[in-house]
Amino acid sequence: MVPNRAAEEAGSARSQQLARATAALSERRDAEGSQSPEGLGAAAANGHGAGALPRPPPAPLRGSLAMAGSGRLALRALPGPGWLRGSGPAVLSRLRDAAVVRPGFLSAAEEETLSRELEPELRRRRYEYDHWDAAIHGFRETEKSRWSEASRAILQRMQAAAFGPGQTLLSSVHVLDLEPRGYIKPHVDSIKFCGATIAGLSLLSPSVMRLVHTQKPGEWLELLLEPGSLYILRDSARYDFSHEILRDEESFFGERRVPRGRRISVICRSLPEGMGPGEPQQLPPAG
């Protein structure tokens, strides 16, 4: 069969058009991905309150997905605050030392050690759908003061990283287990229950923690908490901002969807001012 020259030329022209369009799209994506961290949500969102909050404006991704050594997806951080985004550079700067995320703080083996130790105790409890102050939905929790030697070494490393030498810690560690549909509503922990510093290890599922200023709701910060990460809230981030863990349908970090599964957090707190280490505690809300 003799080839149709007109058809060949038309096909070649279409291929060239497609190649040019693909190159233009690639250039545009590269340009969007190279925006500076100052562009992260520079326009403040209005209407944030203590109830359901509108999702802050999307931000360009600050990294790319990569397979971590444990086999789970993780965000490879690029230069800049790849694990934090906020309403503007002023908030990011002001809370630089007050709201801290340390991704990859736990190895896969350490995460497995903690999860394996906690699972039998958590399994004996049922998920609850109300809380004494209505702050948590779909959770089970416990206080734990006895740990295996391996887990105790992990907690000691966490405490050394998060707390100052002059801080005394509550003797019990707070463990909070959120089911996949569970979430924590915006709240500020009472100074009756914990002091100036909270630190938590995140296990099993990624999640997004959102902080919103209690008096200036246009000021907000979001923390991307991957499994194995450590977060620390100190001082102004503790007292001037509410914090919450977003429910699955609202779980975005900028434009990135962060699907929520079951999440366990292991939380240490500094002692409330004027309280002795042995005094009884009622479980506060947690992150």
C-alpha atoms as a PDB file:
ATOM      1  CA  MET A   1       0.000   0.000   0.000  1.00  0.00           C
ATOM      2  CA  VAL A   2       1.364   3.482  -0.941  1.00  0.00           C
ATOM      3  CA  PRO A   3       1.428   5.838   2.092  1.00  0.00           C
ATOM      4  CA  ASN A   4      -0.793   8.915   1.922  1.00  0.00           C
ATOM      5  CA  ARG A   5       1.683  11.838   1.995  1.00  0.00           C
ATOM      6  CA  ALA A   6      -0.970  14.347   3.126  1.00  0.00           C
ATOM      7  CA  ALA A   7      -1.909  12.123   6.090  1.00  0.00           C
ATOM      8  CA  GLU A   8       1.761  11.735   7.059  1.00  0.00           C
ATOM      9  CA  GLU A   9       2.315  15.491   6.989  1.00  0.00           C
ATOM     10  CA  ALA A  10      -0.826  16.125   9.072  1.00  0.00           C
ATOM     11  CA  GLY A  11       0.270  13.543  11.641  1.00  0.00           C
ATOM     12  CA  SER A  12       3.728  15.113  11.867  1.00  0.00           C
ATOM     13  CA  ALA A  13       2.216  18.561  12.420  1.00  0.00           C
ATOM     14  CA  ARG A  14       0.004  17.225  15.239  1.00  0.00           C
ATOM     15  CA  SER A  15       3.015  15.573  16.891  1.00  0.00           C
ATOM     16  CA  GLN A  16       4.960  18.822  16.789  1.00  0.00           C
ATOM     17  CA  GLN A  17       2.015  20.750  18.284  1.00  0.00           C
ATOM     18  CA  LEU A  18       1.699  18.182  21.076  1.00  0.00           C
ATOM     19  CA  ALA A  19       5.434  18.393  21.835  1.00  0.00           C
ATOM     20  CA  ARG A  20       5.302  22.197  22.013  1.00  0.00           C
ATOM     21  CA  ALA A  21       2.241  22.101  24.300  1.00  0.00           C
ATOM     22  CA  THR A  22       3.896  19.538  26.607  1.00  0.00           C
ATOM     23  CA  ALA A  23       7.070  21.632  26.854  1.00  0.00           C
ATOM     24  CA  ALA A  24       5.061  24.770  27.661  1.00  0.00           C
ATOM     25  CA  LEU A  25       3.117  22.944  30.403  1.00  0.00           C
ATOM     26  CA  SER A  26       6.350  21.626  31.907  1.00  0.00           C
ATOM     27  CA  GLU A  27       7.872  25.111  31.951  1.00  0.00           C
ATOM     28  CA  ARG A  28       4.761  26.532  33.641  1.00  0.00           C
ATOM     29  CA  ARG A  29       4.795  23.823  36.334  1.00  0.00           C
ATOM     30  CA  ASP A  30       8.495  24.426  36.978  1.00  0.00           C
ATOM     31  CA  ALA A  31       7.839  28.142  37.383  1.00  0.00           C
ATOM     32  CA  GLU A  32       4.951  27.547  39.797  1.00  0.00           C
ATOM     33  CA  GLY A  33       6.988  25.093  41.873  1.00  0.00           C
ATOM     34  CA  SER A  34       9.846  27.544  42.335  1.00  0.00           C
ATOM     35  CA  GLN A  35       7.862  30.180  44.216  1.00  0.00           C
ATOM     36  CA  SER A  36       9.410  31.408  47.458  1.00  0.00           C
ATOM     37  CA  PRO A  37       8.030  30.464  50.910  1.00  0.00           C
ATOM     38  CA  GLU A  38       6.817  34.052  51.293  1.00  0.00           C
ATOM     39  CA  GLY A  39       4.105  33.164  48.787  1.00  0.00           C
ATOM     40  CA  LEU A  40       2.578  30.592  51.110  1.00  0.00           C
ATOM     41  CA  GLY A  41      -0.847  31.942  51.895  1.00  0.00           C
ATOM     42  CA  ALA A  42       0.199  35.595  52.020  1.00  0.00           C
ATOM     43  CA  ALA A  43      -3.436  36.691  51.821  1.00  0.00           C
ATOM     44  CA  ALA A  44      -5.014  36.111  55.241  1.00  0.00           C
ATOM     45  CA  ALA A  45      -8.235  34.114  55.391  1.00  0.00           C
ATOM     46  CA  ASN A  46     -11.234  35.766  57.058  1.00  0.00           C
ATOM     47  CA  GLY A  47     -13.907  34.264  59.263  1.00  0.00           C
ATOM     48  CA  HIS A  48     -11.819  31.787  61.254  1.00  0.00           C
ATOM     49  CA  GLY A  49     -13.547  30.970  64.513  1.00  0.00           C
ATOM     50  CA  ALA A  50     -13.638  28.313  67.190  1.00  0.00           C
ATOM     51  CA  GLY A  51     -15.904  26.081  65.099  1.00  0.00           C
ATOM     52  CA  ALA A  52     -15.384  24.730  61.581  1.00  0.00           C
ATOM     53  CA  LEU A  53     -12.756  26.832  59.828  1.00  0.00           C
ATOM     54  CA  PRO A  54     -12.491  27.490  56.096  1.00  0.00           C
ATOM     55  CA  ARG A  55      -9.363  25.984  54.586  1.00  0.00           C
ATOM     56  CA  PRO A  56      -6.620  28.617  54.209  1.00  0.00           C
ATOM     57  CA  PRO A  57      -5.643  29.574  50.656  1.00  0.00           C
ATOM     58  CA  PRO A  58      -3.639  26.900  48.817  1.00  0.00           C
ATOM     59  CA  ALA A  59       0.104  27.149  48.559  1.00  0.00           C
ATOM     60  CA  PRO A  60       2.548  25.659  46.056  1.00  0.00           C
ATOM     61  CA  LEU A  61       4.095  22.372  47.099  1.00  0.00           C
ATOM     62  CA  ARG A  62       7.482  22.754  48.768  1.00  0.00           C
ATOM     63  CA  GLY A  63       8.814  19.328  47.881  1.00  0.00           C
ATOM     64  CA  SER A  64       8.137  16.095  46.051  1.00  0.00           C
ATOM     65  CA  LEU A  65       6.843  12.698  47.026  1.00  0.00           C
ATOM     66  CA  ALA A  66       9.468  10.044  47.641  1.00  0.00           C
ATOM     67  CA  MET A  67       9.418   6.544  49.099  1.00  0.00           C
ATOM     68  CA  ALA A  68      10.960   6.556  52.562  1.00  0.00           C
ATOM     69  CA  GLY A  69      13.107   3.710  53.810  1.00  0.00           C
ATOM     70  CA  SER A  70      10.196   2.249  55.777  1.00  0.00           C
ATOM     71  CA  GLY A  71       8.132   1.917  52.591  1.00  0.00           C
ATOM     72  CA  ARG A  72       5.744   4.810  53.299  1.00  0.00           C
ATOM     73  CA  LEU A  73       5.358   7.950  51.225  1.00  0.00           C
ATOM     74  CA  ALA A  74       7.060  11.021  52.638  1.00  0.00           C
ATOM     75  CA  LEU A  75       7.580  14.580  51.441  1.00  0.00           C
ATOM     76  CA  ARG A  76      11.189  15.306  50.603  1.00  0.00           C
ATOM     77  CA  ALA A  77      11.813  18.759  52.050  1.00  0.00           C
ATOM     78  CA  LEU A  78      13.375  21.411  49.851  1.00  0.00           C
ATOM     79  CA  PRO A  79      15.188  24.511  51.182  1.00  0.00           C
ATOM     80  CA  GLY A  80      12.692  26.585  53.174  1.00  0.00           C
ATOM     81  CA  PRO A  81       9.950  25.669  55.681  1.00  0.00           C
ATOM     82  CA  GLY A  82       8.695  22.621  53.778  1.00  0.00           C
ATOM     83  CA  TRP A  83       6.819  21.306  56.812  1.00  0.00           C
ATOM     84  CA  LEU A  84       5.258  24.628  57.844  1.00  0.00           C
ATOM     85  CA  ARG A  85       3.038  27.096  56.011  1.00  0.00           C
ATOM     86  CA  GLY A  86       1.260  30.145  57.314  1.00  0.00           C
ATOM     87  CA  SER A  87      -0.730  33.282  56.637  1.00  0.00           C
ATOM     88  CA  GLY A  88       2.427  35.269  55.960  1.00  0.00           C
ATOM     89  CA  PRO A  89       6.169  35.576  56.597  1.00  0.00           C
ATOM     90  CA  ALA A  90       5.589  37.548  59.816  1.00  0.00           C
ATOM     91  CA  VAL A  91       3.748  34.622  61.460  1.00  0.00           C
ATOM     92  CA  LEU A  92       6.324  32.118  60.205  1.00  0.00           C
ATOM     93  CA  SER A  93       9.112  34.254  61.628  1.00  0.00           C
ATOM     94  CA  ARG A  94       7.393  34.963  64.960  1.00  0.00           C
ATOM     95  CA  LEU A  95       6.629  31.287  65.618  1.00  0.00           C
ATOM     96  CA  ARG A  96       9.904  29.956  64.230  1.00  0.00           C
ATOM     97  CA  ASP A  97      11.005  28.625  67.629  1.00  0.00           C
ATOM     98  CA  ALA A  98       7.521  28.271  69.161  1.00  0.00           C
ATOM     99  CA  ALA A  99       6.028  25.834  66.625  1.00  0.00           C
ATOM    100  CA  VAL A 100       8.610  23.312  65.461  1.00  0.00           C
ATOM    101  CA  VAL A 101       8.370  20.193  63.286  1.00  0.00           C
ATOM    102  CA  ARG A 102      11.210  17.679  63.070  1.00  0.00           C
ATOM    103  CA  PRO A 103      10.330  15.198  60.298  1.00  0.00           C
ATOM    104  CA  GLY A 104      11.927  11.784  60.458  1.00  0.00           C
ATOM    105  CA  PHE A 105      12.720  12.096  64.161  1.00  0.00           C
ATOM    106  CA  LEU A 106      11.887   8.407  64.634  1.00  0.00           C
ATOM    107  CA  SER A 107      13.338   5.626  62.564  1.00  0.00           C
ATOM    108  CA  ALA A 108      10.925   3.042  61.159  1.00  0.00           C
ATOM    109  CA  ALA A 109      12.160   0.612  63.824  1.00  0.00           C
ATOM    110  CA  GLU A 110      11.523   3.118  66.638  1.00  0.00           C
ATOM    111  CA  GLU A 111       8.041   3.848  65.341  1.00  0.00           C
ATOM    112  CA  GLU A 112       7.322   0.121  65.275  1.00  0.00           C
ATOM    113  CA  THR A 113       8.661  -0.269  68.835  1.00  0.00           C
ATOM    114  CA  LEU A 114       6.258   2.337  70.210  1.00  0.00           C
ATOM    115  CA  SER A 115       3.277   1.126  68.174  1.00  0.00           C
ATOM    116  CA  ARG A 116       3.820  -2.492  69.204  1.00  0.00           C
ATOM    117  CA  GLU A 117       3.989  -1.559  72.881  1.00  0.00           C
ATOM    118  CA  LEU A 118       0.887   0.633  72.781  1.00  0.00           C
ATOM    119  CA  GLU A 119      -1.370  -1.601  70.696  1.00  0.00           C
ATOM    120  CA  PRO A 120      -2.393  -4.173  73.369  1.00  0.00           C
ATOM    121  CA  GLU A 121      -3.343  -1.443  75.854  1.00  0.00           C
ATOM    122  CA  LEU A 122      -5.269   0.619  73.306  1.00  0.00           C
ATOM    123  CA  ARG A 123      -7.089  -2.422  71.938  1.00  0.00           C
ATOM    124  CA  ARG A 124      -8.747  -2.938  75.327  1.00  0.00           C
ATOM    125  CA  ARG A 125     -10.446   0.454  75.013  1.00  0.00           C
ATOM    126  CA  ARG A 126     -13.333   1.563  72.816  1.00  0.00           C
ATOM    127  CA  TYR A 127     -13.357   4.585  70.553  1.00  0.00           C
ATOM    128  CA  GLU A 128     -15.361   7.451  72.001  1.00  0.00           C
ATOM    129  CA  TYR A 129     -17.263  10.160  70.136  1.00  0.00           C
ATOM    130  CA  ASP A 130     -17.555  12.819  72.776  1.00  0.00           C
ATOM    131  CA  HIS A 131     -15.102  14.334  75.225  1.00  0.00           C
ATOM    132  CA  TRP A 132     -15.501  15.968  78.586  1.00  0.00           C
ATOM    133  CA  ASP A 133     -14.950  19.370  76.948  1.00  0.00           C
ATOM    134  CA  ALA A 134     -16.123  18.370  73.418  1.00  0.00           C
ATOM    135  CA  ALA A 135     -12.646  18.865  71.949  1.00  0.00           C
ATOM    136  CA  ILE A 136     -12.043  15.388  70.451  1.00  0.00           C
ATOM    137  CA  HIS A 137     -14.164  13.117  68.242  1.00  0.00           C
ATOM    138  CA  GLY A 138     -13.463   9.448  67.461  1.00  0.00           C
ATOM    139  CA  PHE A 139     -10.683   8.710  69.920  1.00  0.00           C
ATOM    140  CA  ARG A 140      -9.358   6.523  72.684  1.00  0.00           C
ATOM    141  CA  GLU A 141      -6.668   7.633  75.098  1.00  0.00           C
ATOM    142  CA  THR A 142      -4.632   6.656  78.090  1.00  0.00           C
ATOM    143  CA  GLU A 143      -1.906   7.892  80.396  1.00  0.00           C
ATOM    144  CA  LYS A 144       1.167   5.704  80.545  1.00  0.00           C
ATOM    145  CA  SER A 145       4.009   5.866  83.027  1.00  0.00           C
ATOM    146  CA  ARG A 146       5.614   2.423  82.615  1.00  0.00           C
ATOM    147  CA  TRP A 147       7.513   1.710  79.417  1.00  0.00           C
ATOM    148  CA  SER A 148       9.854  -0.928  78.085  1.00  0.00           C
ATOM    149  CA  GLU A 149      13.542  -0.070  78.104  1.00  0.00           C
ATOM    150  CA  ALA A 150      13.539   0.477  74.319  1.00  0.00           C
ATOM    151  CA  SER A 151      10.535   2.819  74.405  1.00  0.00           C
ATOM    152  CA  ARG A 152      11.897   4.680  77.421  1.00  0.00           C
ATOM    153  CA  ALA A 153      15.102   5.429  75.507  1.00  0.00           C
ATOM    154  CA  ILE A 154      13.023   6.874  72.637  1.00  0.00           C
ATOM    155  CA  LEU A 155      11.028   9.079  75.022  1.00  0.00           C
ATOM    156  CA  GLN A 156      14.176  10.313  76.720  1.00  0.00           C
ATOM    157  CA  ARG A 157      15.610  11.344  73.353  1.00  0.00           C
ATOM    158  CA  MET A 158      12.365  13.134  72.536  1.00  0.00           C
ATOM    159  CA  GLN A 159      12.316  14.944  75.869  1.00  0.00           C
ATOM    160  CA  ALA A 160      15.937  16.049  75.498  1.00  0.00           C
ATOM    161  CA  ALA A 161      15.103  17.501  72.065  1.00  0.00           C
ATOM    162  CA  ALA A 162      11.938  19.322  73.129  1.00  0.00           C
ATOM    163  CA  PHE A 163      12.348  20.521  76.715  1.00  0.00           C
ATOM    164  CA  GLY A 164      14.851  22.791  78.400  1.00  0.00           C
ATOM    165  CA  PRO A 165      17.073  21.629  81.287  1.00  0.00           C
ATOM    166  CA  GLY A 166      15.051  23.650  83.814  1.00  0.00           C
ATOM    167  CA  GLN A 167      11.665  22.209  82.819  1.00  0.00           C
ATOM    168  CA  THR A 168       9.972  19.487  84.865  1.00  0.00           C
ATOM    169  CA  LEU A 169       7.702  17.096  82.992  1.00  0.00           C
ATOM    170  CA  LEU A 170       4.412  15.515  83.963  1.00  0.00           C
ATOM    171  CA  SER A 171       5.198  11.994  85.118  1.00  0.00           C
ATOM    172  CA  SER A 172       2.671  10.310  82.790  1.00  0.00           C
ATOM    173  CA  VAL A 173       2.828  10.355  79.007  1.00  0.00           C
ATOM    174  CA  HIS A 174      -0.464  11.043  77.250  1.00  0.00           C
ATOM    175  CA  VAL A 175      -1.303   8.627  74.413  1.00  0.00           C
ATOM    176  CA  LEU A 176      -4.110   9.574  72.015  1.00  0.00           C
ATOM    177  CA  ASP A 177      -5.441   7.206  69.342  1.00  0.00           C
ATOM    178  CA  LEU A 178      -7.619   8.811  66.630  1.00  0.00           C
ATOM    179  CA  GLU A 179      -9.593   6.556  64.327  1.00  0.00           C
ATOM    180  CA  PRO A 180      -9.481   7.417  60.593  1.00  0.00           C
ATOM    181  CA  ARG A 181     -12.597   9.614  60.904  1.00  0.00           C
ATOM    182  CA  GLY A 182     -11.453  11.109  64.215  1.00  0.00           C
ATOM    183  CA  TYR A 183     -10.303  14.677  64.670  1.00  0.00           C
ATOM    184  CA  ILE A 184      -9.425  17.273  67.297  1.00  0.00           C
ATOM    185  CA  LYS A 185     -11.355  20.539  67.334  1.00  0.00           C
ATOM    186  CA  PRO A 186      -9.674  23.933  67.801  1.00  0.00           C
ATOM    187  CA  HIS A 187      -8.760  24.447  71.454  1.00  0.00           C
ATOM    188  CA  VAL A 188      -6.144  25.967  73.744  1.00  0.00           C
ATOM    189  CA  ASP A 189      -4.876  23.660  76.488  1.00  0.00           C
ATOM    190  CA  SER A 190      -5.627  24.979  79.952  1.00  0.00           C
ATOM    191  CA  ILE A 191      -2.658  26.162  82.008  1.00  0.00           C
ATOM    192  CA  LYS A 192      -4.117  24.028  84.838  1.00  0.00           C
ATOM    193  CA  PHE A 193      -3.146  20.868  82.950  1.00  0.00           C
ATOM    194  CA  CYS A 194       0.196  21.625  81.342  1.00  0.00           C
ATOM    195  CA  GLY A 195       2.976  24.173  81.279  1.00  0.00           C
ATOM    196  CA  ALA A 196       4.658  26.164  78.538  1.00  0.00           C
ATOM    197  CA  THR A 197       5.773  23.261  76.311  1.00  0.00           C
ATOM    198  CA  ILE A 198       4.010  20.342  74.606  1.00  0.00           C
ATOM    199  CA  ALA A 199       5.815  17.801  72.418  1.00  0.00           C
ATOM    200  CA  GLY A 200       4.308  14.912  70.474  1.00  0.00           C
ATOM    201  CA  LEU A 201       5.425  11.986  68.339  1.00  0.00           C
ATOM    202  CA  SER A 202       3.132  11.079  65.425  1.00  0.00           C
ATOM    203  CA  LEU A 203       2.642   7.422  64.519  1.00  0.00           C
ATOM    204  CA  LEU A 204       0.879   5.479  61.729  1.00  0.00           C
ATOM    205  CA  SER A 205      -0.772   8.215  59.635  1.00  0.00           C
ATOM    206  CA  PRO A 206       0.146  11.677  58.349  1.00  0.00           C
ATOM    207  CA  SER A 207      -2.018  14.561  59.505  1.00  0.00           C
ATOM    208  CA  VAL A 208      -2.213  18.339  59.427  1.00  0.00           C
ATOM    209  CA  MET A 209      -2.202  20.435  62.601  1.00  0.00           C
ATOM    210  CA  ARG A 210      -3.604  23.943  62.263  1.00  0.00           C
ATOM    211  CA  LEU A 211      -2.904  26.821  64.662  1.00  0.00           C
ATOM    212  CA  VAL A 212      -5.120  29.930  64.580  1.00  0.00           C
ATOM    213  CA  HIS A 213      -4.557  33.076  66.651  1.00  0.00           C
ATOM    214  CA  THR A 214      -7.325  33.388  69.232  1.00  0.00           C
ATOM    215  CA  GLN A 215      -7.612  37.179  68.850  1.00  0.00           C
ATOM    216  CA  LYS A 216      -6.509  37.629  65.225  1.00  0.00           C
ATOM    217  CA  PRO A 217      -8.048  34.722  63.292  1.00  0.00           C
ATOM    218  CA  GLY A 218      -6.444  35.888  60.054  1.00  0.00           C
ATOM    219  CA  GLU A 219      -3.118  34.707  61.492  1.00  0.00           C
ATOM    220  CA  TRP A 220      -2.635  30.968  61.134  1.00  0.00           C
ATOM    221  CA  LEU A 221       0.020  28.305  60.801  1.00  0.00           C
ATOM    222  CA  GLU A 222      -0.180  24.717  59.564  1.00  0.00           C
ATOM    223  CA  LEU A 223       2.153  21.847  60.461  1.00  0.00           C
ATOM    224  CA  LEU A 224       2.526  18.772  58.273  1.00  0.00           C
ATOM    225  CA  LEU A 225       2.983  15.829  60.654  1.00  0.00           C
ATOM    226  CA  GLU A 226       4.274  12.733  58.890  1.00  0.00           C
ATOM    227  CA  PRO A 227       4.576   9.408  60.748  1.00  0.00           C
ATOM    228  CA  GLY A 228       7.778   9.425  62.760  1.00  0.00           C
ATOM    229  CA  SER A 229       7.835  13.212  63.099  1.00  0.00           C
ATOM    230  CA  LEU A 230       8.186  15.234  66.304  1.00  0.00           C
ATOM    231  CA  TYR A 231       6.249  18.452  66.845  1.00  0.00           C
ATOM    232  CA  ILE A 232       6.865  20.996  69.605  1.00  0.00           C
ATOM    233  CA  LEU A 233       4.574  23.840  70.707  1.00  0.00           C
ATOM    234  CA  ARG A 234       6.014  26.434  73.087  1.00  0.00           C
ATOM    235  CA  ASP A 235       5.021  29.724  74.692  1.00  0.00           C
ATOM    236  CA  SER A 236       3.102  31.901  72.190  1.00  0.00           C
ATOM    237  CA  ALA A 237       2.080  28.891  70.071  1.00  0.00           C
ATOM    238  CA  ARG A 238       0.626  27.378  73.263  1.00  0.00           C
ATOM    239  CA  TYR A 239      -1.149  30.370  74.747  1.00  0.00           C
ATOM    240  CA  ASP A 240      -2.032  32.680  71.841  1.00  0.00           C
ATOM    241  CA  PHE A 241      -3.068  30.117  69.215  1.00  0.00           C
ATOM    242  CA  SER A 242      -5.639  27.333  69.216  1.00  0.00           C
ATOM    243  CA  HIS A 243      -4.538  24.036  67.698  1.00  0.00           C
ATOM    244  CA  GLU A 244      -6.439  21.205  66.024  1.00  0.00           C
ATOM    245  CA  ILE A 245      -5.940  18.063  63.949  1.00  0.00           C
ATOM    246  CA  LEU A 246      -7.948  18.339  60.731  1.00  0.00           C
ATOM    247  CA  ARG A 247     -10.589  15.745  59.906  1.00  0.00           C
ATOM    248  CA  ASP A 248      -9.975  13.623  56.828  1.00  0.00           C
ATOM    249  CA  GLU A 249     -12.187  15.581  54.411  1.00  0.00           C
ATOM    250  CA  GLU A 250     -10.418  18.838  55.364  1.00  0.00           C
ATOM    251  CA  SER A 251      -6.928  17.378  55.494  1.00  0.00           C
ATOM    252  CA  PHE A 252      -4.895  19.444  53.025  1.00  0.00           C
ATOM    253  CA  PHE A 253      -1.450  20.994  53.273  1.00  0.00           C
ATOM    254  CA  GLY A 254      -1.648  23.750  50.698  1.00  0.00           C
ATOM    255  CA  GLU A 255      -2.836  21.991  47.551  1.00  0.00           C
ATOM    256  CA  ARG A 256      -1.550  18.622  48.708  1.00  0.00           C
ATOM    257  CA  ARG A 257      -4.190  16.181  49.900  1.00  0.00           C
ATOM    258  CA  VAL A 258      -3.069  14.468  53.129  1.00  0.00           C
ATOM    259  CA  PRO A 259      -5.353  11.423  53.575  1.00  0.00           C
ATOM    260  CA  ARG A 260      -5.993  10.682  57.218  1.00  0.00           C
ATOM    261  CA  GLY A 261      -5.817   7.159  58.561  1.00  0.00           C
ATOM    262  CA  ARG A 262      -5.634   5.958  62.127  1.00  0.00           C
ATOM    263  CA  ARG A 263      -3.196   8.195  64.026  1.00  0.00           C
ATOM    264  CA  ILE A 264      -1.501   7.689  67.396  1.00  0.00           C
ATOM    265  CA  SER A 265       0.245  10.560  69.149  1.00  0.00           C
ATOM    266  CA  VAL A 266       2.573  10.165  72.119  1.00  0.00           C
ATOM    267  CA  ILE A 267       2.583  13.452  74.031  1.00  0.00           C
ATOM    268  CA  CYS A 268       4.795  14.840  76.791  1.00  0.00           C
ATOM    269  CA  ARG A 269       4.029  18.071  78.662  1.00  0.00           C
ATOM    270  CA  SER A 270       5.905  20.316  80.993  1.00  0.00           C
ATOM    271  CA  LEU A 271       4.531  20.695  84.486  1.00  0.00           C
ATOM    272  CA  PRO A 272       2.008  23.501  85.124  1.00  0.00           C
ATOM    273  CA  GLU A 273       3.493  26.349  87.100  1.00  0.00           C
ATOM    274  CA  GLY A 274       3.130  25.843  90.857  1.00  0.00           C
ATOM    275  CA  MET A 275       2.176  22.159  90.629  1.00  0.00           C
ATOM    276  CA  GLY A 276       4.185  19.315  92.124  1.00  0.00           C
ATOM    277  CA  PRO A 277       5.104  16.287  89.965  1.00  0.00           C
ATOM    278  CA  GLY A 278       3.017  13.889  92.021  1.00  0.00           C
ATOM    279  CA  GLU A 279      -0.247  15.825  91.995  1.00  0.00           C
ATOM    280  CA  PRO A 280      -3.203  14.171  90.200  1.00  0.00           C
ATOM    281  CA  GLN A 281      -4.063  15.254  86.668  1.00  0.00           C
ATOM    282  CA  GLN A 282      -7.212  15.135  84.574  1.00  0.00           C
ATOM    283  CA  LEU A 283      -6.511  14.311  80.927  1.00  0.00           C
ATOM    284  CA  PRO A 284      -6.552  17.532  78.864  1.00  0.00           C
ATOM    285  CA  PRO A 285      -7.259  17.749  75.142  1.00  0.00           C
ATOM    286  CA  ALA A 286      -4.265  16.726  73.104  1.00  0.00           C
ATOM    287  CA  GLY A 287      -2.616  17.021  69.719  1.00  0.00           C
END
